[in-house]
Amino acid sequence: MSFSSINPFTNELIAEYASISDQQLADALDLSRSQFGAWRKVDFPDRSALLRRVSEVLLANKQLYARLI
């Protein structure tokens, strides 16, 4: 099964996404839990710099993301 992103105004297919199994989901959640431990230890100035970079990437690609929503 896959999931489709469809423009509700034009009914145009924007993208399709493959579904994942329960095990793939469990693995992804386990990975995120394990990585959070490392993230908790990152000091605030370093976290801030990383999140600013994330912001720059999101803003640079906002048109792409807008089309997907």
C-alpha atoms as a PDB file:
ATOM      1  CA  MET A   1       0.000   0.000   0.000  1.00  0.00           C
ATOM      2  CA  SER A   2       1.187   3.525  -0.700  1.00  0.00           C
ATOM      3  CA  PHE A   3       0.017   6.988   0.267  1.00  0.00           C
ATOM      4  CA  SER A   4      -0.637   9.730  -2.225  1.00  0.00           C
ATOM      5  CA  SER A   5      -0.307  13.461  -1.859  1.00  0.00           C
ATOM      6  CA  ILE A   6      -2.956  15.080  -4.045  1.00  0.00           C
ATOM      7  CA  ASN A   7      -3.552  18.755  -4.696  1.00  0.00           C
ATOM      8  CA  PRO A   8      -7.149  19.228  -3.502  1.00  0.00           C
ATOM      9  CA  PHE A   9      -7.748  22.133  -5.870  1.00  0.00           C
ATOM     10  CA  THR A  10      -6.542  20.513  -9.103  1.00  0.00           C
ATOM     11  CA  ASN A  11      -6.757  16.857  -8.063  1.00  0.00           C
ATOM     12  CA  GLU A  12      -3.197  16.533  -9.389  1.00  0.00           C
ATOM     13  CA  LEU A  13      -1.024  13.788  -7.942  1.00  0.00           C
ATOM     14  CA  ILE A  14       1.970  15.458  -6.330  1.00  0.00           C
ATOM     15  CA  ALA A  15       3.833  12.468  -4.906  1.00  0.00           C
ATOM     16  CA  GLU A  16       3.400   8.908  -3.716  1.00  0.00           C
ATOM     17  CA  TYR A  17       4.954   7.447  -0.596  1.00  0.00           C
ATOM     18  CA  ALA A  18       5.476   3.787   0.163  1.00  0.00           C
ATOM     19  CA  SER A  19       4.051   2.508   3.402  1.00  0.00           C
ATOM     20  CA  ILE A  20       6.288   0.831   5.953  1.00  0.00           C
ATOM     21  CA  SER A  21       5.826  -2.321   7.963  1.00  0.00           C
ATOM     22  CA  ASP A  22       5.167  -2.421  11.680  1.00  0.00           C
ATOM     23  CA  GLN A  23       8.745  -3.630  12.166  1.00  0.00           C
ATOM     24  CA  GLN A  24      10.186  -0.739  10.134  1.00  0.00           C
ATOM     25  CA  LEU A  25       8.172   1.672  12.266  1.00  0.00           C
ATOM     26  CA  ALA A  26       9.356   0.012  15.479  1.00  0.00           C
ATOM     27  CA  ASP A  27      12.968   0.172  14.250  1.00  0.00           C
ATOM     28  CA  ALA A  28      12.639   3.881  13.409  1.00  0.00           C
ATOM     29  CA  LEU A  29      11.157   4.632  16.821  1.00  0.00           C
ATOM     30  CA  ASP A  30      13.899   2.654  18.570  1.00  0.00           C
ATOM     31  CA  LEU A  31      16.530   4.578  16.633  1.00  0.00           C
ATOM     32  CA  SER A  32      14.972   7.913  17.521  1.00  0.00           C
ATOM     33  CA  ARG A  33      14.838   6.960  21.208  1.00  0.00           C
ATOM     34  CA  SER A  34      18.486   5.950  21.215  1.00  0.00           C
ATOM     35  CA  GLN A  35      19.584   9.121  19.401  1.00  0.00           C
ATOM     36  CA  PHE A  36      17.658  11.374  21.757  1.00  0.00           C
ATOM     37  CA  GLY A  37      20.048  10.373  24.533  1.00  0.00           C
ATOM     38  CA  ALA A  38      22.938  11.803  22.544  1.00  0.00           C
ATOM     39  CA  TRP A  39      20.957  14.942  21.599  1.00  0.00           C
ATOM     40  CA  ARG A  40      20.205  15.641  25.281  1.00  0.00           C
ATOM     41  CA  LYS A  41      23.944  15.954  25.900  1.00  0.00           C
ATOM     42  CA  VAL A  42      24.523  18.573  23.185  1.00  0.00           C
ATOM     43  CA  ASP A  43      24.976  21.969  24.800  1.00  0.00           C
ATOM     44  CA  PHE A  44      22.637  24.831  23.991  1.00  0.00           C
ATOM     45  CA  PRO A  45      24.904  26.868  21.656  1.00  0.00           C
ATOM     46  CA  ASP A  46      25.533  23.803  19.489  1.00  0.00           C
ATOM     47  CA  ARG A  47      21.831  22.890  19.439  1.00  0.00           C
ATOM     48  CA  SER A  48      21.009  26.457  18.511  1.00  0.00           C
ATOM     49  CA  ALA A  49      23.451  26.435  15.583  1.00  0.00           C
ATOM     50  CA  LEU A  50      22.064  23.158  14.282  1.00  0.00           C
ATOM     51  CA  LEU A  51      18.470  24.331  14.552  1.00  0.00           C
ATOM     52  CA  ARG A  52      19.322  27.589  12.780  1.00  0.00           C
ATOM     53  CA  ARG A  53      20.715  25.518   9.913  1.00  0.00           C
ATOM     54  CA  VAL A  54      17.530  23.447   9.852  1.00  0.00           C
ATOM     55  CA  SER A  55      15.584  26.694   9.638  1.00  0.00           C
ATOM     56  CA  GLU A  56      17.684  27.856   6.687  1.00  0.00           C
ATOM     57  CA  VAL A  57      17.073  24.596   4.814  1.00  0.00           C
ATOM     58  CA  LEU A  58      13.334  24.681   5.528  1.00  0.00           C
ATOM     59  CA  LEU A  59      13.051  28.279   4.343  1.00  0.00           C
ATOM     60  CA  ALA A  60      15.111  27.592   1.225  1.00  0.00           C
ATOM     61  CA  ASN A  61      12.765  24.738   0.304  1.00  0.00           C
ATOM     62  CA  LYS A  62       9.456  26.208   1.436  1.00  0.00           C
ATOM     63  CA  GLN A  63       7.910  26.127  -2.037  1.00  0.00           C
ATOM     64  CA  LEU A  64       8.657  22.412  -2.339  1.00  0.00           C
ATOM     65  CA  TYR A  65       7.151  21.711   1.074  1.00  0.00           C
ATOM     66  CA  ALA A  66       4.113  23.855   0.311  1.00  0.00           C
ATOM     67  CA  ARG A  67       3.394  21.771  -2.786  1.00  0.00           C
ATOM     68  CA  LEU A  68       3.566  18.572  -0.736  1.00  0.00           C
ATOM     69  CA  ILE A  69       1.092  19.721   1.892  1.00  0.00           C
END
